[in-house]
PDB file of N, CA and C in Angstrom:
ATOM      1  N   MET A   1       1.349  -1.486   9.427  1.00  0.00           N
ATOM      2  CA  MET A   1       1.234  -2.727  10.173  1.00  0.00           C
ATOM      3  C   MET A   1       2.240  -2.786  11.311  1.00  0.00           C
ATOM      4  N   LEU A   2       3.395  -2.227  11.091  1.00  0.00           N
ATOM      5  CA  LEU A   2       4.435  -2.276  12.116  1.00  0.00           C
ATOM      6  C   LEU A   2       3.992  -1.554  13.385  1.00  0.00           C
ATOM      7  N   ARG A   3       3.348  -0.393  13.226  1.00  0.00           N
ATOM      8  CA  ARG A   3       2.876   0.340  14.402  1.00  0.00           C
ATOM      9  C   ARG A   3       1.885  -0.489  15.208  1.00  0.00           C
ATOM     10  N   ILE A   4       1.035  -1.222  14.529  1.00  0.00           N
ATOM     11  CA  ILE A   4       0.054  -2.057  15.223  1.00  0.00           C
ATOM     12  C   ILE A   4       0.757  -3.217  15.915  1.00  0.00           C
ATOM     13  N   LYS A   5       1.700  -3.827  15.236  1.00  0.00           N
ATOM     14  CA  LYS A   5       2.455  -4.937  15.832  1.00  0.00           C
ATOM     15  C   LYS A   5       3.170  -4.472  17.100  1.00  0.00           C
ATOM     16  N   VAL A   6       3.803  -3.316  17.043  1.00  0.00           N
ATOM     17  CA  VAL A   6       4.508  -2.778  18.211  1.00  0.00           C
ATOM     18  C   VAL A   6       3.513  -2.452  19.330  1.00  0.00           C
ATOM     19  N   ALA A   7       2.374  -1.854  18.985  1.00  0.00           N
ATOM     20  CA  ALA A   7       1.389  -1.458  19.993  1.00  0.00           C
ATOM     21  C   ALA A   7       0.809  -2.660  20.734  1.00  0.00           C
ATOM     22  N   VAL A   8       0.613  -3.753  20.036  1.00  0.00           N
ATOM     23  CA  VAL A   8       0.024  -4.942  20.654  1.00  0.00           C
ATOM     24  C   VAL A   8       1.102  -5.791  21.332  1.00  0.00           C
ATOM     25  N   GLY A   9       2.307  -5.725  20.803  1.00  0.00           N
ATOM     26  CA  GLY A   9       3.424  -6.437  21.409  1.00  0.00           C
ATOM     27  C   GLY A   9       3.338  -7.943  21.269  1.00  0.00           C
ATOM     28  N   SER A  10       3.879  -8.624  22.244  1.00  0.00           N
ATOM     29  CA  SER A  10       3.984 -10.085  22.172  1.00  0.00           C
ATOM     30  C   SER A  10       2.647 -10.799  22.330  1.00  0.00           C
ATOM     31  N   THR A  11       1.603 -10.059  22.671  1.00  0.00           N
ATOM     32  CA  THR A  11       0.273 -10.667  22.767  1.00  0.00           C
ATOM     33  C   THR A  11      -0.167 -11.232  21.420  1.00  0.00           C
ATOM     34  N   ALA A  12       0.224 -10.546  20.351  1.00  0.00           N
ATOM     35  CA  ALA A  12      -0.162 -10.989  19.008  1.00  0.00           C
ATOM     36  C   ALA A  12       0.713 -12.153  18.571  1.00  0.00           C
ATOM     37  N   GLU A  13       0.093 -13.281  18.344  1.00  0.00           N
ATOM     38  CA  GLU A  13       0.847 -14.423  17.822  1.00  0.00           C
ATOM     39  C   GLU A  13       0.995 -14.314  16.313  1.00  0.00           C
ATOM     40  N   SER A  14       0.063 -13.595  15.680  1.00  0.00           N
ATOM     41  CA  SER A  14       0.199 -13.315  14.251  1.00  0.00           C
ATOM     42  C   SER A  14      -0.536 -12.037  13.916  1.00  0.00           C
ATOM     43  N   LEU A  15      -0.072 -11.394  12.867  1.00  0.00           N
ATOM     44  CA  LEU A  15      -0.705 -10.190  12.335  1.00  0.00           C
ATOM     45  C   LEU A  15      -0.755 -10.390  10.826  1.00  0.00           C
ATOM     46  N   GLU A  16      -1.960 -10.444  10.273  1.00  0.00           N
ATOM     47  CA  GLU A  16      -2.154 -10.736   8.854  1.00  0.00           C
ATOM     48  C   GLU A  16      -2.937  -9.628   8.172  1.00  0.00           C
ATOM     49  N   HIS A  17      -2.582  -9.362   6.940  1.00  0.00           N
ATOM     50  CA  HIS A  17      -3.323  -8.444   6.079  1.00  0.00           C
ATOM     51  C   HIS A  17      -4.411  -9.280   5.407  1.00  0.00           C
ATOM     52  N   ILE A  18      -5.672  -8.968   5.688  1.00  0.00           N
ATOM     53  CA  ILE A  18      -6.797  -9.707   5.112  1.00  0.00           C
ATOM     54  C   ILE A  18      -7.663  -8.726   4.334  1.00  0.00           C
ATOM     55  N   GLY A  19      -8.775  -9.174   3.824  1.00  0.00           N
ATOM     56  CA  GLY A  19      -9.687  -8.286   3.125  1.00  0.00           C
ATOM     57  C   GLY A  19      -9.254  -8.030   1.690  1.00  0.00           C
ATOM     58  N   SER A  20     -10.012  -7.233   0.994  1.00  0.00           N
ATOM     59  CA  SER A  20      -9.801  -7.000  -0.433  1.00  0.00           C
ATOM     60  C   SER A  20      -8.460  -6.367  -0.763  1.00  0.00           C
ATOM     61  N   THR A  21      -7.968  -5.485   0.098  1.00  0.00           N
ATOM     62  CA  THR A  21      -6.679  -4.857  -0.195  1.00  0.00           C
ATOM     63  C   THR A  21      -5.518  -5.841  -0.087  1.00  0.00           C
ATOM     64  N   ALA A  22      -5.764  -7.017   0.454  1.00  0.00           N
ATOM     65  CA  ALA A  22      -4.728  -8.041   0.580  1.00  0.00           C
ATOM     66  C   ALA A  22      -4.629  -8.910  -0.667  1.00  0.00           C
ATOM     67  N   VAL A  23      -5.519  -8.667  -1.629  1.00  0.00           N
ATOM     68  CA  VAL A  23      -5.540  -9.457  -2.866  1.00  0.00           C
ATOM     69  C   VAL A  23      -5.117  -8.541  -4.011  1.00  0.00           C
ATOM     70  N   PRO A  24      -3.926  -8.735  -4.555  1.00  0.00           N
ATOM     71  CA  PRO A  24      -3.438  -7.873  -5.634  1.00  0.00           C
ATOM     72  C   PRO A  24      -4.436  -7.789  -6.797  1.00  0.00           C
ATOM     73  N   GLY A  25      -4.724  -6.550  -7.215  1.00  0.00           N
ATOM     74  CA  GLY A  25      -5.601  -6.320  -8.357  1.00  0.00           C
ATOM     75  C   GLY A  25      -7.082  -6.314  -8.051  1.00  0.00           C
ATOM     76  N   LEU A  26      -7.478  -6.691  -6.857  1.00  0.00           N
ATOM     77  CA  LEU A  26      -8.900  -6.730  -6.509  1.00  0.00           C
ATOM     78  C   LEU A  26      -9.381  -5.326  -6.148  1.00  0.00           C
ATOM     79  N   ILE A  27     -10.550  -4.945  -6.652  1.00  0.00           N
ATOM     80  CA  ILE A  27     -11.104  -3.649  -6.292  1.00  0.00           C
ATOM     81  C   ILE A  27     -11.340  -3.611  -4.787  1.00  0.00           C
ATOM     82  N   ALA A  28     -11.090  -2.458  -4.205  1.00  0.00           N
ATOM     83  CA  ALA A  28     -11.224  -2.353  -2.757  1.00  0.00           C
ATOM     84  C   ALA A  28     -11.330  -0.896  -2.344  1.00  0.00           C
ATOM     85  N   LYS A  29     -11.985  -0.684  -1.213  1.00  0.00           N
ATOM     86  CA  LYS A  29     -11.961   0.631  -0.590  1.00  0.00           C
ATOM     87  C   LYS A  29     -10.550   0.847  -0.054  1.00  0.00           C
ATOM     88  N   PRO A  30     -10.137   2.084   0.126  1.00  0.00           N
ATOM     89  CA  PRO A  30      -8.780   2.342   0.632  1.00  0.00           C
ATOM     90  C   PRO A  30      -8.691   2.170   2.157  1.00  0.00           C
ATOM     91  N   VAL A  31      -9.086   0.990   2.616  1.00  0.00           N
ATOM     92  CA  VAL A  31      -9.055   0.672   4.045  1.00  0.00           C
ATOM     93  C   VAL A  31      -8.380  -0.686   4.208  1.00  0.00           C
ATOM     94  N   LEU A  32      -7.322  -0.727   5.005  1.00  0.00           N
ATOM     95  CA  LEU A  32      -6.637  -1.994   5.275  1.00  0.00           C
ATOM     96  C   LEU A  32      -7.399  -2.758   6.345  1.00  0.00           C
ATOM     97  N   ASP A  33      -7.632  -4.029   6.095  1.00  0.00           N
ATOM     98  CA  ASP A  33      -8.192  -4.913   7.115  1.00  0.00           C
ATOM     99  C   ASP A  33      -7.051  -5.767   7.630  1.00  0.00           C
ATOM    100  N   LEU A  34      -6.825  -5.694   8.925  1.00  0.00           N
ATOM    101  CA  LEU A  34      -5.761  -6.467   9.556  1.00  0.00           C
ATOM    102  C   LEU A  34      -6.373  -7.409  10.576  1.00  0.00           C
ATOM    103  N   GLN A  35      -5.783  -8.583  10.682  1.00  0.00           N
ATOM    104  CA  GLN A  35      -6.257  -9.584  11.637  1.00  0.00           C
ATOM    105  C   GLN A  35      -5.128  -9.919  12.603  1.00  0.00           C
ATOM    106  N   ILE A  36      -5.419  -9.754  13.874  1.00  0.00           N
ATOM    107  CA  ILE A  36      -4.474 -10.097  14.928  1.00  0.00           C
ATOM    108  C   ILE A  36      -5.007 -11.340  15.632  1.00  0.00           C
ATOM    109  N   ALA A  37      -4.178 -12.360  15.735  1.00  0.00           N
ATOM    110  CA  ALA A  37      -4.562 -13.570  16.463  1.00  0.00           C
ATOM    111  C   ALA A  37      -3.848 -13.561  17.819  1.00  0.00           C
ATOM    112  N   VAL A  38      -4.644 -13.709  18.867  1.00  0.00           N
ATOM    113  CA  VAL A  38      -4.126 -13.705  20.240  1.00  0.00           C
ATOM    114  C   VAL A  38      -4.546 -15.006  20.927  1.00  0.00           C
ATOM    115  N   PRO A  39      -3.861 -15.368  22.002  1.00  0.00           N
ATOM    116  CA  PRO A  39      -4.209 -16.615  22.690  1.00  0.00           C
ATOM    117  C   PRO A  39      -5.626 -16.628  23.268  1.00  0.00           C
ATOM    118  N   ASP A  40      -6.100 -15.478  23.774  1.00  0.00           N
ATOM    119  CA  ASP A  40      -7.412 -15.427  24.429  1.00  0.00           C
ATOM    120  C   ASP A  40      -8.019 -14.037  24.230  1.00  0.00           C
ATOM    121  N   ILE A  41      -9.043 -13.940  23.377  1.00  0.00           N
ATOM    122  CA  ILE A  41      -9.614 -12.618  23.103  1.00  0.00           C
ATOM    123  C   ILE A  41     -10.335 -12.030  24.302  1.00  0.00           C
ATOM    124  N   SER A  42     -10.715 -12.851  25.248  1.00  0.00           N
ATOM    125  CA  SER A  42     -11.411 -12.320  26.426  1.00  0.00           C
ATOM    126  C   SER A  42     -10.475 -11.508  27.318  1.00  0.00           C
ATOM    127  N   LYS A  43      -9.176 -11.654  27.148  1.00  0.00           N
ATOM    128  CA  LYS A  43      -8.201 -10.883  27.927  1.00  0.00           C
ATOM    129  C   LYS A  43      -7.867  -9.599  27.162  1.00  0.00           C
ATOM    130  N   GLU A  44      -8.872  -8.726  27.056  1.00  0.00           N
ATOM    131  CA  GLU A  44      -8.765  -7.506  26.248  1.00  0.00           C
ATOM    132  C   GLU A  44      -7.665  -6.564  26.709  1.00  0.00           C
ATOM    133  N   ALA A  45      -7.366  -6.554  27.983  1.00  0.00           N
ATOM    134  CA  ALA A  45      -6.334  -5.643  28.484  1.00  0.00           C
ATOM    135  C   ALA A  45      -4.990  -5.904  27.822  1.00  0.00           C
ATOM    136  N   ALA A  46      -4.786  -7.121  27.346  1.00  0.00           N
ATOM    137  CA  ALA A  46      -3.514  -7.486  26.728  1.00  0.00           C
ATOM    138  C   ALA A  46      -3.308  -6.821  25.368  1.00  0.00           C
ATOM    139  N   TYR A  47      -4.376  -6.406  24.699  1.00  0.00           N
ATOM    140  CA  TYR A  47      -4.240  -5.805  23.366  1.00  0.00           C
ATOM    141  C   TYR A  47      -5.028  -4.509  23.191  1.00  0.00           C
ATOM    142  N   ARG A  48      -6.060  -4.310  23.956  1.00  0.00           N
ATOM    143  CA  ARG A  48      -6.939  -3.153  23.740  1.00  0.00           C
ATOM    144  C   ARG A  48      -6.216  -1.825  23.963  1.00  0.00           C
ATOM    145  N   ARG A  49      -5.490  -1.706  25.057  1.00  0.00           N
ATOM    146  CA  ARG A  49      -4.820  -0.440  25.360  1.00  0.00           C
ATOM    147  C   ARG A  49      -3.848  -0.052  24.248  1.00  0.00           C
ATOM    148  N   GLY A  50      -3.114  -1.030  23.741  1.00  0.00           N
ATOM    149  CA  GLY A  50      -2.161  -0.753  22.670  1.00  0.00           C
ATOM    150  C   GLY A  50      -2.842  -0.217  21.428  1.00  0.00           C
ATOM    151  N   LEU A  51      -3.960  -0.812  21.057  1.00  0.00           N
ATOM    152  CA  LEU A  51      -4.694  -0.355  19.875  1.00  0.00           C
ATOM    153  C   LEU A  51      -5.302   1.030  20.119  1.00  0.00           C
ATOM    154  N   GLU A  52      -5.750   1.275  21.333  1.00  0.00           N
ATOM    155  CA  GLU A  52      -6.312   2.588  21.654  1.00  0.00           C
ATOM    156  C   GLU A  52      -5.247   3.681  21.609  1.00  0.00           C
ATOM    157  N   THR A  53      -4.001   3.366  21.918  1.00  0.00           N
ATOM    158  CA  THR A  53      -2.935   4.377  21.832  1.00  0.00           C
ATOM    159  C   THR A  53      -2.720   4.825  20.389  1.00  0.00           C
ATOM    160  N   LEU A  54      -3.164   4.017  19.429  1.00  0.00           N
ATOM    161  CA  LEU A  54      -3.058   4.377  18.015  1.00  0.00           C
ATOM    162  C   LEU A  54      -4.298   5.117  17.523  1.00  0.00           C
ATOM    163  N   GLY A  55      -5.224   5.395  18.433  1.00  0.00           N
ATOM    164  CA  GLY A  55      -6.433   6.125  18.059  1.00  0.00           C
ATOM    165  C   GLY A  55      -7.571   5.237  17.606  1.00  0.00           C
ATOM    166  N   LEU A  56      -7.437   3.939  17.803  1.00  0.00           N
ATOM    167  CA  LEU A  56      -8.503   3.005  17.422  1.00  0.00           C
ATOM    168  C   LEU A  56      -9.424   2.783  18.607  1.00  0.00           C
ATOM    169  N   VAL A  57     -10.698   2.549  18.308  1.00  0.00           N
ATOM    170  CA  VAL A  57     -11.663   2.272  19.368  1.00  0.00           C
ATOM    171  C   VAL A  57     -12.296   0.907  19.133  1.00  0.00           C
ATOM    172  N   LEU A  58     -12.658   0.272  20.235  1.00  0.00           N
ATOM    173  CA  LEU A  58     -13.376  -0.995  20.139  1.00  0.00           C
ATOM    174  C   LEU A  58     -14.772  -0.677  19.647  1.00  0.00           C
ATOM    175  N   TRP A  59     -15.087  -1.098  18.453  1.00  0.00           N
ATOM    176  CA  TRP A  59     -16.352  -0.761  17.806  1.00  0.00           C
ATOM    177  C   TRP A  59     -17.374  -1.874  17.959  1.00  0.00           C
ATOM    178  N   GLN A  60     -16.873  -3.120  18.012  1.00  0.00           N
ATOM    179  CA  GLN A  60     -17.787  -4.262  18.082  1.00  0.00           C
ATOM    180  C   GLN A  60     -17.122  -5.392  18.854  1.00  0.00           C
ATOM    181  N   ARG A  61     -17.880  -5.988  19.757  1.00  0.00           N
ATOM    182  CA  ARG A  61     -17.397  -7.115  20.540  1.00  0.00           C
ATOM    183  C   ARG A  61     -18.326  -8.299  20.265  1.00  0.00           C
ATOM    184  N   GLU A  62     -17.788  -9.316  19.661  1.00  0.00           N
ATOM    185  CA  GLU A  62     -18.549 -10.535  19.403  1.00  0.00           C
ATOM    186  C   GLU A  62     -17.864 -11.697  20.114  1.00  0.00           C
ATOM    187  N   THR A  63     -18.537 -12.808  20.191  1.00  0.00           N
ATOM    188  CA  THR A  63     -17.986 -13.968  20.871  1.00  0.00           C
ATOM    189  C   THR A  63     -16.642 -14.385  20.294  1.00  0.00           C
ATOM    190  N   ASP A  64     -16.529 -14.353  18.969  1.00  0.00           N
ATOM    191  CA  ASP A  64     -15.328 -14.890  18.326  1.00  0.00           C
ATOM    192  C   ASP A  64     -14.351 -13.843  17.807  1.00  0.00           C
ATOM    193  N   HIS A  65     -14.679 -12.572  17.914  1.00  0.00           N
ATOM    194  CA  HIS A  65     -13.704 -11.554  17.508  1.00  0.00           C
ATOM    195  C   HIS A  65     -14.084 -10.172  18.047  1.00  0.00           C
ATOM    196  N   ARG A  66     -13.084  -9.279  18.008  1.00  0.00           N
ATOM    197  CA  ARG A  66     -13.270  -7.886  18.384  1.00  0.00           C
ATOM    198  C   ARG A  66     -12.899  -7.043  17.171  1.00  0.00           C
ATOM    199  N   PHE A  67     -13.623  -5.944  16.988  1.00  0.00           N
ATOM    200  CA  PHE A  67     -13.413  -5.078  15.831  1.00  0.00           C
ATOM    201  C   PHE A  67     -13.054  -3.676  16.303  1.00  0.00           C
ATOM    202  N   PHE A  68     -11.879  -3.198  15.859  1.00  0.00           N
ATOM    203  CA  PHE A  68     -11.393  -1.863  16.193  1.00  0.00           C
ATOM    204  C   PHE A  68     -11.297  -1.031  14.922  1.00  0.00           C
ATOM    205  N   ARG A  69     -11.593   0.261  15.052  1.00  0.00           N
ATOM    206  CA  ARG A  69     -11.482   1.189  13.931  1.00  0.00           C
ATOM    207  C   ARG A  69     -11.311   2.592  14.484  1.00  0.00           C
ATOM    208  N   PRO A  70     -10.974   3.543  13.618  1.00  0.00           N
ATOM    209  CA  PRO A  70     -10.932   4.928  14.091  1.00  0.00           C
ATOM    210  C   PRO A  70     -12.318   5.375  14.547  1.00  0.00           C
ATOM    211  N   PRO A  71     -12.384   6.376  15.401  1.00  0.00           N
ATOM    212  CA  PRO A  71     -13.675   6.869  15.888  1.00  0.00           C
ATOM    213  C   PRO A  71     -14.556   7.393  14.756  1.00  0.00           C
ATOM    214  N   ALA A  72     -15.858   7.396  14.991  1.00  0.00           N
ATOM    215  CA  ALA A  72     -16.803   7.929  14.014  1.00  0.00           C
ATOM    216  C   ALA A  72     -16.404   9.340  13.640  1.00  0.00           C
ATOM    217  N   GLY A  73     -16.513   9.659  12.367  1.00  0.00           N
ATOM    218  CA  GLY A  73     -16.184  10.993  11.882  1.00  0.00           C
ATOM    219  C   GLY A  73     -14.740  11.166  11.472  1.00  0.00           C
ATOM    220  N   GLU A  74     -13.885  10.223  11.831  1.00  0.00           N
ATOM    221  CA  GLU A  74     -12.483  10.305  11.425  1.00  0.00           C
ATOM    222  C   GLU A  74     -12.242   9.427  10.200  1.00  0.00           C
ATOM    223  N   LEU A  75     -11.227   9.779   9.439  1.00  0.00           N
ATOM    224  CA  LEU A  75     -10.870   9.023   8.252  1.00  0.00           C
ATOM    225  C   LEU A  75     -10.546   7.584   8.630  1.00  0.00           C
ATOM    226  N   ARG A  76     -11.188   6.651   7.942  1.00  0.00           N
ATOM    227  CA  ARG A  76     -10.924   5.233   8.208  1.00  0.00           C
ATOM    228  C   ARG A  76      -9.914   4.716   7.200  1.00  0.00           C
ATOM    229  N   THR A  77      -8.741   4.411   7.680  1.00  0.00           N
ATOM    230  CA  THR A  77      -7.702   3.837   6.825  1.00  0.00           C
ATOM    231  C   THR A  77      -7.378   2.408   7.229  1.00  0.00           C
ATOM    232  N   VAL A  78      -7.859   2.006   8.409  1.00  0.00           N
ATOM    233  CA  VAL A  78      -7.563   0.663   8.896  1.00  0.00           C
ATOM    234  C   VAL A  78      -8.719   0.140   9.751  1.00  0.00           C
ATOM    235  N   HIS A  79      -8.955  -1.152   9.611  1.00  0.00           N
ATOM    236  CA  HIS A  79      -9.855  -1.903  10.489  1.00  0.00           C
ATOM    237  C   HIS A  79      -9.012  -3.010  11.091  1.00  0.00           C
ATOM    238  N   VAL A  80      -9.127  -3.226  12.376  1.00  0.00           N
ATOM    239  CA  VAL A  80      -8.360  -4.281  13.030  1.00  0.00           C
ATOM    240  C   VAL A  80      -9.334  -5.279  13.653  1.00  0.00           C
ATOM    241  N   HIS A  81      -9.184  -6.520  13.255  1.00  0.00           N
ATOM    242  CA  HIS A  81      -9.998  -7.614  13.768  1.00  0.00           C
ATOM    243  C   HIS A  81      -9.107  -8.460  14.671  1.00  0.00           C
ATOM    244  N   VAL A  82      -9.540  -8.669  15.895  1.00  0.00           N
ATOM    245  CA  VAL A  82      -8.779  -9.492  16.833  1.00  0.00           C
ATOM    246  C   VAL A  82      -9.560 -10.783  17.046  1.00  0.00           C
ATOM    247  N   CYS A  83      -8.871 -11.903  16.888  1.00  0.00           N
ATOM    248  CA  CYS A  83      -9.486 -13.214  17.060  1.00  0.00           C
ATOM    249  C   CYS A  83      -8.524 -14.123  17.815  1.00  0.00           C
ATOM    250  N   GLU A  84      -8.997 -15.317  18.146  1.00  0.00           N
ATOM    251  CA  GLU A  84      -8.134 -16.265  18.841  1.00  0.00           C
ATOM    252  C   GLU A  84      -7.351 -17.118  17.857  1.00  0.00           C
ATOM    253  N   VAL A  85      -6.155 -17.441  18.273  1.00  0.00           N
ATOM    254  CA  VAL A  85      -5.293 -18.323  17.489  1.00  0.00           C
ATOM    255  C   VAL A  85      -6.012 -19.658  17.277  1.00  0.00           C
ATOM    256  N   GLY A  86      -6.043 -20.108  16.019  1.00  0.00           N
ATOM    257  CA  GLY A  86      -6.651 -21.393  15.695  1.00  0.00           C
ATOM    258  C   GLY A  86      -8.161 -21.398  15.617  1.00  0.00           C
ATOM    259  N   SER A  87      -8.781 -20.231  15.763  1.00  0.00           N
ATOM    260  CA  SER A  87     -10.250 -20.158  15.746  1.00  0.00           C
ATOM    261  C   SER A  87     -10.789 -20.273  14.330  1.00  0.00           C
ATOM    262  N   THR A  88     -12.067 -20.563  14.245  1.00  0.00           N
ATOM    263  CA  THR A  88     -12.744 -20.599  12.947  1.00  0.00           C
ATOM    264  C   THR A  88     -12.642 -19.245  12.280  1.00  0.00           C
ATOM    265  N   TRP A  89     -12.815 -18.162  13.038  1.00  0.00           N
ATOM    266  CA  TRP A  89     -12.707 -16.804  12.482  1.00  0.00           C
ATOM    267  C   TRP A  89     -11.359 -16.625  11.796  1.00  0.00           C
ATOM    268  N   GLU A  90     -10.284 -16.974  12.494  1.00  0.00           N
ATOM    269  CA  GLU A  90      -8.938 -16.813  11.934  1.00  0.00           C
ATOM    270  C   GLU A  90      -8.786 -17.627  10.646  1.00  0.00           C
ATOM    271  N   ARG A  91      -9.121 -18.904  10.712  1.00  0.00           N
ATOM    272  CA  ARG A  91      -8.932 -19.790   9.554  1.00  0.00           C
ATOM    273  C   ARG A  91      -9.755 -19.350   8.356  1.00  0.00           C
ATOM    274  N   GLU A  92     -11.033 -19.039   8.560  1.00  0.00           N
ATOM    275  CA  GLU A  92     -11.903 -18.687   7.433  1.00  0.00           C
ATOM    276  C   GLU A  92     -11.412 -17.449   6.696  1.00  0.00           C
ATOM    277  N   HIS A  93     -10.959 -16.445   7.422  1.00  0.00           N
ATOM    278  CA  HIS A  93     -10.500 -15.225   6.764  1.00  0.00           C
ATOM    279  C   HIS A  93      -9.192 -15.436   6.005  1.00  0.00           C
ATOM    280  N   LEU A  94      -8.313 -16.248   6.556  1.00  0.00           N
ATOM    281  CA  LEU A  94      -7.058 -16.525   5.863  1.00  0.00           C
ATOM    282  C   LEU A  94      -7.283 -17.409   4.637  1.00  0.00           C
ATOM    283  N   VAL A  95      -8.138 -18.406   4.760  1.00  0.00           N
ATOM    284  CA  VAL A  95      -8.437 -19.280   3.617  1.00  0.00           C
ATOM    285  C   VAL A  95      -9.103 -18.478   2.504  1.00  0.00           C
ATOM    286  N   PHE A  96     -10.056 -17.621   2.847  1.00  0.00           N
ATOM    287  CA  PHE A  96     -10.742 -16.811   1.839  1.00  0.00           C
ATOM    288  C   PHE A  96      -9.741 -15.920   1.095  1.00  0.00           C
ATOM    289  N   ARG A  97      -8.898 -15.221   1.844  1.00  0.00           N
ATOM    290  CA  ARG A  97      -7.875 -14.367   1.223  1.00  0.00           C
ATOM    291  C   ARG A  97      -6.952 -15.188   0.322  1.00  0.00           C
ATOM    292  N   ASP A  98      -6.485 -16.310   0.818  1.00  0.00           N
ATOM    293  CA  ASP A  98      -5.534 -17.117   0.059  1.00  0.00           C
ATOM    294  C   ASP A  98      -6.154 -17.716  -1.202  1.00  0.00           C
ATOM    295  N   ARG A  99      -7.424 -18.097  -1.140  1.00  0.00           N
ATOM    296  CA  ARG A  99      -8.086 -18.619  -2.341  1.00  0.00           C
ATOM    297  C   ARG A  99      -8.254 -17.532  -3.388  1.00  0.00           C
ATOM    298  N   LEU A 100      -8.607 -16.321  -2.966  1.00  0.00           N
ATOM    299  CA  LEU A 100      -8.726 -15.215  -3.917  1.00  0.00           C
ATOM    300  C   LEU A 100      -7.372 -14.881  -4.536  1.00  0.00           C
ATOM    301  N   ARG A 101      -6.318 -14.939  -3.750  1.00  0.00           N
ATOM    302  CA  ARG A 101      -4.966 -14.676  -4.273  1.00  0.00           C
ATOM    303  C   ARG A 101      -4.544 -15.728  -5.288  1.00  0.00           C
ATOM    304  N   ALA A 102      -4.967 -16.953  -5.071  1.00  0.00           N
ATOM    305  CA  ALA A 102      -4.515 -18.073  -5.902  1.00  0.00           C
ATOM    306  C   ALA A 102      -5.351 -18.277  -7.161  1.00  0.00           C
ATOM    307  N   ASP A 103      -6.547 -17.722  -7.221  1.00  0.00           N
ATOM    308  CA  ASP A 103      -7.462 -18.011  -8.331  1.00  0.00           C
ATOM    309  C   ASP A 103      -8.020 -16.699  -8.900  1.00  0.00           C
ATOM    310  N   ALA A 104      -7.453 -16.269 -10.001  1.00  0.00           N
ATOM    311  CA  ALA A 104      -7.856 -14.993 -10.606  1.00  0.00           C
ATOM    312  C   ALA A 104      -9.327 -14.987 -11.015  1.00  0.00           C
ATOM    313  N   SER A 105      -9.841 -16.114 -11.492  1.00  0.00           N
ATOM    314  CA  SER A 105     -11.252 -16.141 -11.900  1.00  0.00           C
ATOM    315  C   SER A 105     -12.168 -16.020 -10.681  1.00  0.00           C
ATOM    316  N   LEU A 106     -11.790 -16.610  -9.576  1.00  0.00           N
ATOM    317  CA  LEU A 106     -12.567 -16.461  -8.349  1.00  0.00           C
ATOM    318  C   LEU A 106     -12.509 -15.014  -7.863  1.00  0.00           C
ATOM    319  N   ALA A 107     -11.340 -14.397  -7.942  1.00  0.00           N
ATOM    320  CA  ALA A 107     -11.201 -12.994  -7.542  1.00  0.00           C
ATOM    321  C   ALA A 107     -12.064 -12.095  -8.423  1.00  0.00           C
ATOM    322  N   ARG A 108     -12.104 -12.367  -9.728  1.00  0.00           N
ATOM    323  CA  ARG A 108     -12.962 -11.576 -10.629  1.00  0.00           C
ATOM    324  C   ARG A 108     -14.439 -11.758 -10.274  1.00  0.00           C
ATOM    325  N   ALA A 109     -14.839 -12.991  -9.991  1.00  0.00           N
ATOM    326  CA  ALA A 109     -16.235 -13.250  -9.626  1.00  0.00           C
ATOM    327  C   ALA A 109     -16.589 -12.518  -8.326  1.00  0.00           C
ATOM    328  N   TYR A 110     -15.667 -12.502  -7.388  1.00  0.00           N
ATOM    329  CA  TYR A 110     -15.892 -11.792  -6.135  1.00  0.00           C
ATOM    330  C   TYR A 110     -15.988 -10.285  -6.381  1.00  0.00           C
ATOM    331  N   ALA A 111     -15.131  -9.764  -7.236  1.00  0.00           N
ATOM    332  CA  ALA A 111     -15.188  -8.337  -7.586  1.00  0.00           C
ATOM    333  C   ALA A 111     -16.532  -7.999  -8.222  1.00  0.00           C
ATOM    334  N   ASP A 112     -17.000  -8.851  -9.121  1.00  0.00           N
ATOM    335  CA  ASP A 112     -18.303  -8.626  -9.759  1.00  0.00           C
ATOM    336  C   ASP A 112     -19.424  -8.621  -8.720  1.00  0.00           C
ATOM    337  N   LEU A 113     -19.354  -9.545  -7.781  1.00  0.00           N
ATOM    338  CA  LEU A 113     -20.355  -9.599  -6.716  1.00  0.00           C
ATOM    339  C   LEU A 113     -20.329  -8.308  -5.889  1.00  0.00           C
ATOM    340  N   LYS A 114     -19.138  -7.865  -5.511  1.00  0.00           N
ATOM    341  CA  LYS A 114     -19.012  -6.635  -4.729  1.00  0.00           C
ATOM    342  C   LYS A 114     -19.583  -5.442  -5.482  1.00  0.00           C
ATOM    343  N   LEU A 115     -19.254  -5.329  -6.764  1.00  0.00           N
ATOM    344  CA  LEU A 115     -19.771  -4.215  -7.569  1.00  0.00           C
ATOM    345  C   LEU A 115     -21.283  -4.262  -7.684  1.00  0.00           C
ATOM    346  N   GLY A 116     -21.812  -5.454  -7.898  1.00  0.00           N
ATOM    347  CA  GLY A 116     -23.258  -5.614  -8.004  1.00  0.00           C
ATOM    348  C   GLY A 116     -23.978  -5.218  -6.717  1.00  0.00           C
ATOM    349  N   LEU A 117     -23.417  -5.629  -5.593  1.00  0.00           N
ATOM    350  CA  LEU A 117     -24.015  -5.278  -4.305  1.00  0.00           C
ATOM    351  C   LEU A 117     -23.925  -3.776  -4.061  1.00  0.00           C
ATOM    352  N   ALA A 118     -22.809  -3.181  -4.400  1.00  0.00           N
ATOM    353  CA  ALA A 118     -22.651  -1.730  -4.218  1.00  0.00           C
ATOM    354  C   ALA A 118     -23.656  -0.963  -5.057  1.00  0.00           C
ATOM    355  N   ARG A 119     -23.860  -1.403  -6.263  1.00  0.00           N
ATOM    356  CA  ARG A 119     -24.813  -0.715  -7.150  1.00  0.00           C
ATOM    357  C   ARG A 119     -26.248  -0.895  -6.657  1.00  0.00           C
ATOM    358  N   SER A 120     -26.579  -2.031  -6.103  1.00  0.00           N
ATOM    359  CA  SER A 120     -27.945  -2.274  -5.660  1.00  0.00           C
ATOM    360  C   SER A 120     -28.275  -1.542  -4.367  1.00  0.00           C
ATOM    361  N   ARG A 121     -27.266  -1.253  -3.557  1.00  0.00           N
ATOM    362  CA  ARG A 121     -27.502  -0.575  -2.281  1.00  0.00           C
ATOM    363  C   ARG A 121     -27.333   0.924  -2.377  1.00  0.00           C
ATOM    364  N   TRP A 122     -26.457   1.388  -3.260  1.00  0.00           N
ATOM    365  CA  TRP A 122     -26.173   2.815  -3.382  1.00  0.00           C
ATOM    366  C   TRP A 122     -26.226   3.221  -4.852  1.00  0.00           C
ATOM    367  N   PRO A 123     -27.441   3.377  -5.369  1.00  0.00           N
ATOM    368  CA  PRO A 123     -27.565   3.698  -6.808  1.00  0.00           C
ATOM    369  C   PRO A 123     -26.968   5.045  -7.173  1.00  0.00           C
TER     370      PRO A 123
END
């Protein structure tokens, strides 16, 4: 996380560990999901170059967030989601993570859902 924080610099108002690996004990792929909140996601030059210096590529551009990951064919150890400070995207991901951290039964139910979906898609 430190390398990403340094690469993005002061543009990042926050850098959060989100996703399944951010919830202790929850089953997860070995990929860190990180969320960077910036003042304005449309100003990509402020953060894109820094992430690209780490070997990440802009994989998806949506209205409310940008998704960076290693290039196709390379080992994926991190996904970086860039969103705007105070946006619905930012709040929803933090609330979801925090609720799973706070409620073990909810985390178990989510794990069961993930396992069920994995089994139904990849027998």
